[in-house]
Amino acid sequence: MLVHGRDAARATEVADGVRAEGGEAEVVLGDLTDDKAAAEVAARARSWGVDVLVNNAGPFVEHDWDTVEPSAWLDAMNGNVVSAVRLIRALVPPMRERGWGRIINVGSRAATSPLPNMVDYSAAKAAVVNMTTGLARHLAGSGITANTVSPGVIVTEGMRRMFEDRSAAQGRRASWADLEPQVLAEYAPNPSGRLGTADDVAAAVAFLASPPAGYINGIDLRVDGGITPVP
């Protein structure tokens, strides 16, 4: 596994975890929003012979329609869509040569149900879903599948920090243990009755990357506990 990131410590921690489970892993650093840096990452990936590409970059800043600047829309598209396109363009040709590959782009429930405080991010994630469906059709007959995995509210360090900061800004400091039931009730009420975990998302990605998922192509797999209404 080639672990990409911009934070060396975090990427190394992931790679160490893979090695601890008996796998092989290396770290490659680079800013995928920059053409030159992305090309260097792609070159390193090609030297490994990548069969499965997971585009999981997805920066966001809270913006609503009244405060978001045009530049933020460009940043959201570059960070969520174009960064993925850079790697796809570089890594699809060798996948074609081998006649097998998996491309999994991480979207968001915001792609289908836009979030009022993340308008640029929501639009960018909708573009990810659309782009992935188009890519699957473009790659027809190649042995390569392209799918999106769209998480709902997933408990991560960044997500916990965001809600803790919101609580502090409202004049009350609360632990995540106190905030979690409120977040579930107000932001993510869903039939599964809980918030998601990184393992939930990883399981979906691992399945789509596997040979048994070869007939699943061009879909948006929602890992959101059922919160998103079925269109």
Protein backbone atom coordinates (compact mmCIF):
# COMPACT_ATOMS: atom_id res chain seq x y z
CA MET A 1 0.00 0.00 0.00
CA LEU A 2 1.21 3.47 -0.88
CA VAL A 3 -0.11 5.93 1.72
CA HIS A 4 -0.39 9.50 0.50
CA GLY A 5 -0.76 12.59 2.63
CA ARG A 6 0.56 16.05 3.39
CA ASP A 7 1.17 15.29 7.07
CA ALA A 8 4.20 13.03 7.36
CA ALA A 9 3.45 11.93 10.91
CA ARG A 10 -0.14 10.89 10.19
CA ALA A 11 0.73 9.14 6.94
CA THR A 12 3.55 7.27 8.65
CA GLU A 13 1.20 6.18 11.42
CA VAL A 14 -1.14 4.64 8.84
CA ALA A 15 1.73 2.93 7.04
CA ASP A 16 3.04 1.56 10.33
CA GLY A 17 -0.39 0.11 11.05
CA VAL A 18 -0.42 -1.67 7.69
CA ARG A 19 3.04 -3.11 8.35
CA ALA A 20 1.99 -4.24 11.81
CA GLU A 21 -0.74 -6.33 10.14
CA GLY A 22 1.82 -7.97 7.87
CA GLY A 23 1.36 -5.77 4.82
CA GLU A 24 3.79 -3.67 2.83
CA ALA A 25 3.44 0.09 2.95
CA GLU A 26 5.34 3.22 2.05
CA VAL A 27 4.55 6.90 2.44
CA VAL A 28 4.49 9.51 -0.31
CA LEU A 29 3.90 13.18 0.49
CA GLY A 30 2.59 15.84 -1.85
CA ASP A 31 -0.09 18.46 -2.41
CA LEU A 32 -2.56 17.04 -4.93
CA THR A 33 -4.02 20.49 -5.57
CA ASP A 34 -0.75 21.38 -7.33
CA ASP A 35 -0.02 19.97 -10.79
CA LYS A 36 3.70 19.45 -10.26
CA ALA A 37 3.38 17.90 -6.80
CA ALA A 38 0.56 15.64 -7.98
CA ALA A 39 2.68 14.47 -10.92
CA GLU A 40 5.46 13.50 -8.51
CA VAL A 41 3.01 11.52 -6.37
CA ALA A 42 1.63 9.81 -9.47
CA ALA A 43 5.11 8.88 -10.67
CA ARG A 44 5.82 7.24 -7.34
CA ALA A 45 2.51 5.39 -7.54
CA ARG A 46 3.22 4.14 -11.06
CA SER A 47 6.52 2.71 -9.88
CA TRP A 48 4.52 0.60 -7.42
CA GLY A 49 2.07 -0.66 -10.01
CA VAL A 50 -1.18 0.58 -8.48
CA ASP A 51 -4.25 -1.64 -8.98
CA VAL A 52 -6.59 0.23 -6.63
CA LEU A 53 -6.79 4.03 -6.40
CA VAL A 54 -8.74 5.54 -3.50
CA ASN A 55 -9.17 9.30 -3.74
CA ASN A 56 -9.98 10.33 -0.19
CA ALA A 57 -8.83 13.96 -0.18
CA GLY A 58 -11.72 16.26 0.63
CA PRO A 59 -10.89 19.52 2.41
CA PHE A 60 -13.75 21.70 3.56
CA VAL A 61 -14.29 24.99 5.34
CA GLU A 62 -17.66 26.03 6.68
CA HIS A 63 -19.22 28.58 4.32
CA ASP A 64 -22.80 29.61 3.72
CA TRP A 65 -24.18 31.40 0.68
CA ASP A 66 -23.82 34.81 2.32
CA THR A 67 -20.14 34.45 3.20
CA VAL A 68 -18.57 32.18 0.59
CA GLU A 69 -16.24 33.88 -1.88
CA PRO A 70 -15.80 32.78 -5.51
CA SER A 71 -12.23 31.72 -4.71
CA ALA A 72 -13.58 29.25 -2.14
CA TRP A 73 -15.63 27.54 -4.84
CA LEU A 74 -12.49 27.12 -6.92
CA ASP A 75 -10.58 25.77 -3.92
CA ALA A 76 -13.35 23.27 -3.16
CA MET A 77 -13.40 22.02 -6.73
CA ASN A 78 -9.62 21.76 -6.90
CA GLY A 79 -9.32 19.97 -3.58
CA ASN A 80 -12.20 17.54 -4.09
CA VAL A 81 -12.52 17.01 -7.84
CA VAL A 82 -9.45 18.11 -9.78
CA SER A 83 -7.05 16.52 -7.27
CA ALA A 84 -8.74 13.18 -7.99
CA VAL A 85 -8.69 13.79 -11.73
CA ARG A 86 -4.93 14.38 -11.65
CA LEU A 87 -4.28 10.92 -10.21
CA ILE A 88 -6.93 9.20 -12.32
CA ARG A 89 -5.41 10.55 -15.54
CA ALA A 90 -1.96 9.36 -14.47
CA LEU A 91 -2.91 5.91 -13.18
CA VAL A 92 -5.65 4.72 -15.54
CA PRO A 93 -3.28 4.00 -18.49
CA PRO A 94 -1.27 1.31 -16.64
CA MET A 95 -4.52 -0.15 -15.28
CA ARG A 96 -5.78 -0.39 -18.87
CA GLU A 97 -2.61 -2.20 -19.88
CA ARG A 98 -3.14 -4.76 -17.12
CA GLY A 99 -6.85 -5.06 -17.89
CA TRP A 100 -7.87 -4.62 -14.25
CA GLY A 101 -8.27 -1.80 -11.79
CA ARG A 102 -10.44 -0.16 -9.19
CA ILE A 103 -11.04 3.57 -8.75
CA ILE A 104 -12.92 4.58 -5.62
CA ASN A 105 -13.66 8.24 -5.02
CA VAL A 106 -14.88 9.32 -1.60
CA GLY A 107 -17.88 11.61 -1.83
CA SER A 108 -20.29 12.73 0.88
CA ARG A 109 -23.96 12.66 1.76
CA ALA A 110 -23.71 16.39 1.03
CA ALA A 111 -23.60 15.50 -2.67
CA THR A 112 -27.26 14.47 -2.51
CA SER A 113 -28.44 16.58 0.45
CA PRO A 114 -26.49 19.88 0.29
CA LEU A 115 -25.39 21.25 3.64
CA PRO A 116 -26.33 24.93 4.18
CA ASN A 117 -23.08 25.65 6.01
CA MET A 118 -20.86 23.91 3.42
CA VAL A 119 -22.29 25.05 0.11
CA ASP A 120 -19.08 24.95 -1.94
CA TYR A 121 -18.05 21.60 -0.46
CA SER A 122 -21.50 20.12 -1.16
CA ALA A 123 -21.37 21.19 -4.80
CA ALA A 124 -17.86 19.80 -5.19
CA LYS A 125 -18.90 16.44 -3.78
CA ALA A 126 -21.85 16.33 -6.17
CA ALA A 127 -19.33 16.86 -8.95
CA VAL A 128 -17.29 13.92 -7.63
CA VAL A 129 -20.32 11.62 -7.95
CA ASN A 130 -21.10 12.87 -11.44
CA MET A 131 -17.48 12.61 -12.54
CA THR A 132 -17.19 9.06 -11.25
CA THR A 133 -20.30 7.89 -13.09
CA GLY A 134 -18.98 9.41 -16.30
CA LEU A 135 -15.60 7.79 -15.73
CA ALA A 136 -17.18 4.35 -15.30
CA ARG A 137 -18.87 4.71 -18.67
CA HIS A 138 -15.67 5.95 -20.28
CA LEU A 139 -13.80 2.89 -19.00
CA ALA A 140 -16.40 0.40 -20.25
CA GLY A 141 -14.85 -2.92 -21.23
CA SER A 142 -11.45 -2.07 -19.75
CA GLY A 143 -11.67 -4.23 -16.62
CA ILE A 144 -11.57 -1.07 -14.50
CA THR A 145 -14.50 -0.07 -12.29
CA ALA A 146 -15.13 3.40 -10.88
CA ASN A 147 -17.41 3.97 -7.90
CA THR A 148 -18.11 6.56 -5.24
CA VAL A 149 -18.43 5.92 -1.50
CA SER A 150 -20.41 8.70 0.20
CA PRO A 151 -20.11 8.79 4.00
CA GLY A 152 -22.57 10.46 6.31
CA VAL A 153 -21.49 11.91 9.65
CA ILE A 154 -18.38 9.95 10.55
CA VAL A 155 -16.71 10.28 13.94
CA THR A 156 -13.16 11.46 13.29
CA GLU A 157 -10.74 13.61 15.22
CA GLY A 158 -11.54 16.58 12.99
CA MET A 159 -15.28 16.11 13.34
CA ARG A 160 -15.09 15.87 17.12
CA ARG A 161 -12.96 19.00 17.22
CA MET A 162 -15.40 20.91 15.00
CA PHE A 163 -18.36 20.22 17.29
CA GLU A 164 -16.32 20.86 20.43
CA ASP A 165 -15.25 24.23 19.00
CA ARG A 166 -18.86 25.08 18.17
CA SER A 167 -19.87 24.25 21.71
CA ALA A 168 -17.08 26.41 23.13
CA ALA A 169 -18.08 29.31 20.86
CA GLN A 170 -21.57 29.09 22.35
CA GLY A 171 -20.10 29.54 25.81
CA ARG A 172 -20.20 25.97 27.01
CA ARG A 173 -17.40 23.48 27.04
CA ALA A 174 -18.51 19.90 26.66
CA SER A 175 -16.71 16.63 26.11
CA TRP A 176 -17.36 14.54 23.02
CA ALA A 177 -19.13 11.97 25.20
CA ASP A 178 -21.64 14.68 26.12
CA LEU A 179 -21.91 16.07 22.59
CA GLU A 180 -22.31 12.82 20.65
CA PRO A 181 -25.99 12.17 21.51
CA GLN A 182 -26.80 15.77 20.58
CA VAL A 183 -24.93 15.52 17.26
CA LEU A 184 -26.79 12.32 16.43
CA ALA A 185 -30.17 13.82 17.27
CA GLU A 186 -29.69 17.22 15.60
CA TYR A 187 -27.34 16.60 12.69
CA ALA A 188 -27.56 12.95 11.76
CA PRO A 189 -30.76 11.22 12.90
CA ASN A 190 -30.76 7.98 10.96
CA PRO A 191 -32.39 4.54 10.99
CA SER A 192 -29.18 2.91 12.21
CA GLY A 193 -29.34 4.96 15.41
CA ARG A 194 -25.66 5.85 15.65
CA LEU A 195 -22.91 7.90 14.06
CA GLY A 196 -20.58 6.27 11.57
CA THR A 197 -16.97 5.24 12.08
CA ALA A 198 -13.94 5.17 9.84
CA ASP A 199 -14.20 1.38 9.89
CA ASP A 200 -17.68 1.60 8.33
CA VAL A 201 -16.28 3.57 5.41
CA ALA A 202 -13.19 1.38 5.12
CA ALA A 203 -15.34 -1.75 4.85
CA ALA A 204 -17.27 -0.29 1.92
CA VAL A 205 -14.07 0.78 0.17
CA ALA A 206 -12.45 -2.62 0.73
CA PHE A 207 -15.46 -4.40 -0.77
CA LEU A 208 -15.55 -2.21 -3.87
CA ALA A 209 -11.81 -2.79 -4.30
CA SER A 210 -12.24 -6.56 -4.25
CA PRO A 211 -12.67 -8.95 -7.21
CA PRO A 212 -16.23 -9.94 -6.11
CA ALA A 213 -17.30 -6.31 -6.69
CA GLY A 214 -16.42 -6.46 -10.37
CA TYR A 215 -20.04 -6.11 -11.52
CA ILE A 216 -20.62 -3.01 -9.40
CA ASN A 217 -19.74 0.01 -11.47
CA GLY A 218 -20.61 3.70 -11.54
CA ILE A 219 -22.59 3.67 -8.29
CA ASP A 220 -22.72 6.04 -5.34
CA LEU A 221 -22.61 3.79 -2.27
CA ARG A 222 -23.96 5.73 0.70
CA VAL A 223 -22.44 4.84 4.05
CA ASP A 224 -24.64 7.12 6.12
CA GLY A 225 -26.84 4.93 8.30
CA GLY A 226 -29.80 5.59 5.99
CA ILE A 227 -30.01 9.34 6.61
CA THR A 228 -30.08 10.30 2.92
CA PRO A 229 -33.55 10.05 1.34
CA VAL A 230 -33.69 7.67 -1.60
CA PRO A 231 -34.30 9.75 -4.75
